[in-house]
Amino acid sequence: MNGNGGRGKTIERAGSWWFLSLLTYIGAAIYFISVSDGSSFWAVILGLLQAIVWPVYVVYHVLLLLGA
């Protein structure tokens, strides 16, 4: 046995993808907040929510262009 209760070693390899998705969220949040009026609390909250779901809009519009 390898001394850890018979379990094998687990290697996490998704760290760089997590960092990339964090950067895209931050970039999208900056964009959506900057195009809003930014003066009200709810405009900032809406910008943060749009930053979460913007890939859905991209897929939807690509499917519309493809005629699907």
N, C-alpha and C. Protein backbone atom coordinates (compact mmCIF):
# COMPACT_ATOMS: atom_id res chain seq x y z
N MET A 1 0.85 -1.19 0.00
CA MET A 1 0.00 0.00 0.00
C MET A 1 0.88 1.24 0.00
N ASN A 2 0.31 2.31 -0.42
CA ASN A 2 1.09 3.53 -0.54
C ASN A 2 0.98 4.44 0.67
N GLY A 3 0.39 4.00 1.75
CA GLY A 3 0.38 4.76 2.98
C GLY A 3 -0.75 5.77 3.13
N ASN A 4 -1.65 5.85 2.17
CA ASN A 4 -2.77 6.80 2.28
C ASN A 4 -4.11 6.09 2.26
N GLY A 5 -4.14 4.89 2.86
CA GLY A 5 -5.41 4.18 2.99
C GLY A 5 -5.83 3.44 1.74
N GLY A 6 -4.90 3.16 0.83
CA GLY A 6 -5.25 2.43 -0.37
C GLY A 6 -5.79 3.29 -1.49
N ARG A 7 -5.89 4.56 -1.27
CA ARG A 7 -6.39 5.44 -2.32
C ARG A 7 -5.23 5.96 -3.16
N GLY A 8 -5.47 6.15 -4.41
CA GLY A 8 -4.45 6.66 -5.30
C GLY A 8 -4.31 8.18 -5.20
N LYS A 9 -3.35 8.70 -5.85
CA LYS A 9 -3.10 10.15 -5.85
C LYS A 9 -4.05 10.84 -6.82
N THR A 10 -4.67 11.90 -6.38
CA THR A 10 -5.56 12.68 -7.23
C THR A 10 -4.86 13.95 -7.66
N ILE A 11 -4.84 14.18 -8.95
CA ILE A 11 -4.20 15.37 -9.50
C ILE A 11 -5.27 16.24 -10.14
N GLU A 12 -5.36 17.47 -9.69
CA GLU A 12 -6.33 18.42 -10.24
C GLU A 12 -5.65 19.19 -11.37
N ARG A 13 -6.24 19.12 -12.56
CA ARG A 13 -5.62 19.78 -13.71
C ARG A 13 -6.50 20.86 -14.30
N ALA A 14 -7.55 21.26 -13.63
CA ALA A 14 -8.46 22.27 -14.16
C ALA A 14 -8.17 23.65 -13.60
N GLY A 15 -7.06 23.83 -12.94
CA GLY A 15 -6.75 25.12 -12.32
C GLY A 15 -6.63 26.25 -13.31
N SER A 16 -6.01 26.01 -14.44
CA SER A 16 -5.83 27.09 -15.42
C SER A 16 -7.16 27.47 -16.06
N TRP A 17 -8.07 26.51 -16.26
CA TRP A 17 -9.38 26.84 -16.82
C TRP A 17 -10.21 27.66 -15.84
N TRP A 18 -10.07 27.37 -14.56
CA TRP A 18 -10.77 28.15 -13.55
C TRP A 18 -10.29 29.59 -13.58
N PHE A 19 -8.99 29.78 -13.69
CA PHE A 19 -8.42 31.12 -13.73
C PHE A 19 -8.87 31.86 -14.98
N LEU A 20 -8.93 31.18 -16.11
CA LEU A 20 -9.39 31.81 -17.35
C LEU A 20 -10.85 32.23 -17.24
N SER A 21 -11.68 31.39 -16.66
CA SER A 21 -13.09 31.76 -16.51
C SER A 21 -13.26 32.91 -15.52
N LEU A 22 -12.41 32.97 -14.50
CA LEU A 22 -12.45 34.11 -13.57
C LEU A 22 -12.08 35.40 -14.30
N LEU A 23 -11.07 35.35 -15.15
CA LEU A 23 -10.67 36.55 -15.90
C LEU A 23 -11.76 37.00 -16.86
N THR A 24 -12.44 36.04 -17.52
CA THR A 24 -13.51 36.43 -18.43
C THR A 24 -14.69 37.02 -17.67
N TYR A 25 -14.97 36.49 -16.47
CA TYR A 25 -16.05 37.08 -15.66
C TYR A 25 -15.70 38.50 -15.24
N ILE A 26 -14.48 38.71 -14.80
CA ILE A 26 -14.07 40.06 -14.38
C ILE A 26 -14.13 41.03 -15.55
N GLY A 27 -13.65 40.58 -16.71
CA GLY A 27 -13.70 41.44 -17.89
C GLY A 27 -15.12 41.76 -18.31
N ALA A 28 -16.00 40.77 -18.28
CA ALA A 28 -17.40 41.00 -18.64
C ALA A 28 -18.07 41.91 -17.62
N ALA A 29 -17.75 41.73 -16.35
CA ALA A 29 -18.34 42.58 -15.31
C ALA A 29 -17.91 44.03 -15.50
N ILE A 30 -16.63 44.24 -15.80
CA ILE A 30 -16.15 45.61 -16.05
C ILE A 30 -16.86 46.20 -17.26
N TYR A 31 -17.02 45.41 -18.32
CA TYR A 31 -17.70 45.92 -19.51
C TYR A 31 -19.15 46.28 -19.23
N PHE A 32 -19.90 45.36 -18.64
CA PHE A 32 -21.33 45.61 -18.43
C PHE A 32 -21.57 46.73 -17.42
N ILE A 33 -20.72 46.88 -16.43
CA ILE A 33 -20.88 47.98 -15.49
C ILE A 33 -20.52 49.30 -16.16
N SER A 34 -19.52 49.29 -17.04
CA SER A 34 -19.11 50.54 -17.69
C SER A 34 -20.14 51.02 -18.71
N VAL A 35 -20.88 50.11 -19.35
CA VAL A 35 -21.89 50.55 -20.32
C VAL A 35 -23.21 50.90 -19.66
N SER A 36 -23.38 50.52 -18.38
CA SER A 36 -24.58 50.96 -17.66
C SER A 36 -24.34 52.37 -17.14
N ASP A 37 -25.37 52.94 -16.54
CA ASP A 37 -25.17 54.29 -16.01
C ASP A 37 -24.23 54.28 -14.81
N GLY A 38 -24.17 53.16 -14.10
CA GLY A 38 -23.22 52.98 -13.02
C GLY A 38 -23.46 53.83 -11.79
N SER A 39 -24.50 54.64 -11.82
CA SER A 39 -24.73 55.53 -10.69
C SER A 39 -25.60 54.91 -9.61
N SER A 40 -26.35 53.88 -9.99
CA SER A 40 -27.23 53.28 -9.00
C SER A 40 -26.74 51.89 -8.61
N PHE A 41 -27.13 51.47 -7.45
CA PHE A 41 -26.76 50.16 -6.94
C PHE A 41 -27.29 49.06 -7.83
N TRP A 42 -28.53 49.19 -8.30
CA TRP A 42 -29.15 48.12 -9.08
C TRP A 42 -28.56 48.03 -10.48
N ALA A 43 -28.02 49.11 -11.00
CA ALA A 43 -27.34 49.05 -12.29
C ALA A 43 -26.06 48.21 -12.18
N VAL A 44 -25.36 48.35 -11.07
CA VAL A 44 -24.15 47.56 -10.85
C VAL A 44 -24.52 46.09 -10.65
N ILE A 45 -25.57 45.81 -9.89
CA ILE A 45 -26.02 44.43 -9.68
C ILE A 45 -26.44 43.80 -11.01
N LEU A 46 -27.16 44.55 -11.84
CA LEU A 46 -27.55 44.04 -13.15
C LEU A 46 -26.34 43.76 -14.02
N GLY A 47 -25.33 44.61 -13.96
CA GLY A 47 -24.10 44.38 -14.71
C GLY A 47 -23.39 43.11 -14.27
N LEU A 48 -23.37 42.85 -12.96
CA LEU A 48 -22.75 41.63 -12.46
C LEU A 48 -23.53 40.39 -12.89
N LEU A 49 -24.85 40.49 -12.89
CA LEU A 49 -25.67 39.35 -13.34
C LEU A 49 -25.50 39.11 -14.83
N GLN A 50 -25.40 40.18 -15.62
CA GLN A 50 -25.17 40.01 -17.05
C GLN A 50 -23.82 39.39 -17.33
N ALA A 51 -22.84 39.69 -16.49
CA ALA A 51 -21.51 39.10 -16.66
C ALA A 51 -21.54 37.60 -16.43
N ILE A 52 -22.46 37.12 -15.62
CA ILE A 52 -22.57 35.68 -15.38
C ILE A 52 -23.17 34.98 -16.59
N VAL A 53 -24.19 35.56 -17.21
CA VAL A 53 -24.96 34.85 -18.23
C VAL A 53 -24.66 35.28 -19.66
N TRP A 54 -23.61 36.09 -19.90
CA TRP A 54 -23.36 36.54 -21.26
C TRP A 54 -23.07 35.40 -22.24
N PRO A 55 -22.47 34.27 -21.85
CA PRO A 55 -22.28 33.19 -22.84
C PRO A 55 -23.59 32.65 -23.39
N VAL A 56 -24.65 32.71 -22.61
CA VAL A 56 -25.95 32.25 -23.09
C VAL A 56 -26.43 33.12 -24.25
N TYR A 57 -26.24 34.42 -24.14
CA TYR A 57 -26.62 35.34 -25.21
C TYR A 57 -25.80 35.08 -26.47
N VAL A 58 -24.52 34.79 -26.31
CA VAL A 58 -23.66 34.51 -27.46
C VAL A 58 -24.13 33.26 -28.19
N VAL A 59 -24.39 32.20 -27.46
CA VAL A 59 -24.84 30.95 -28.08
C VAL A 59 -26.19 31.16 -28.76
N TYR A 60 -27.08 31.90 -28.14
CA TYR A 60 -28.40 32.16 -28.72
C TYR A 60 -28.28 32.90 -30.05
N HIS A 61 -27.47 33.94 -30.09
CA HIS A 61 -27.34 34.72 -31.32
C HIS A 61 -26.59 33.97 -32.41
N VAL A 62 -25.65 33.13 -32.04
CA VAL A 62 -24.96 32.29 -33.03
C VAL A 62 -25.95 31.29 -33.63
N LEU A 63 -26.80 30.71 -32.80
CA LEU A 63 -27.80 29.79 -33.32
C LEU A 63 -28.81 30.49 -34.21
N LEU A 64 -29.13 31.73 -33.89
CA LEU A 64 -30.01 32.50 -34.77
C LEU A 64 -29.36 32.74 -36.13
N LEU A 65 -28.07 33.06 -36.11
CA LEU A 65 -27.36 33.28 -37.39
C LEU A 65 -27.28 32.01 -38.21
N LEU A 66 -27.16 30.87 -37.55
CA LEU A 66 -27.09 29.61 -38.27
C LEU A 66 -28.45 29.11 -38.73
N GLY A 67 -29.51 29.76 -38.30
CA GLY A 67 -30.85 29.37 -38.70
C GLY A 67 -31.40 28.19 -37.94
N ALA A 68 -30.86 27.93 -36.80
CA ALA A 68 -31.31 26.78 -36.01
C ALA A 68 -32.51 27.15 -35.16
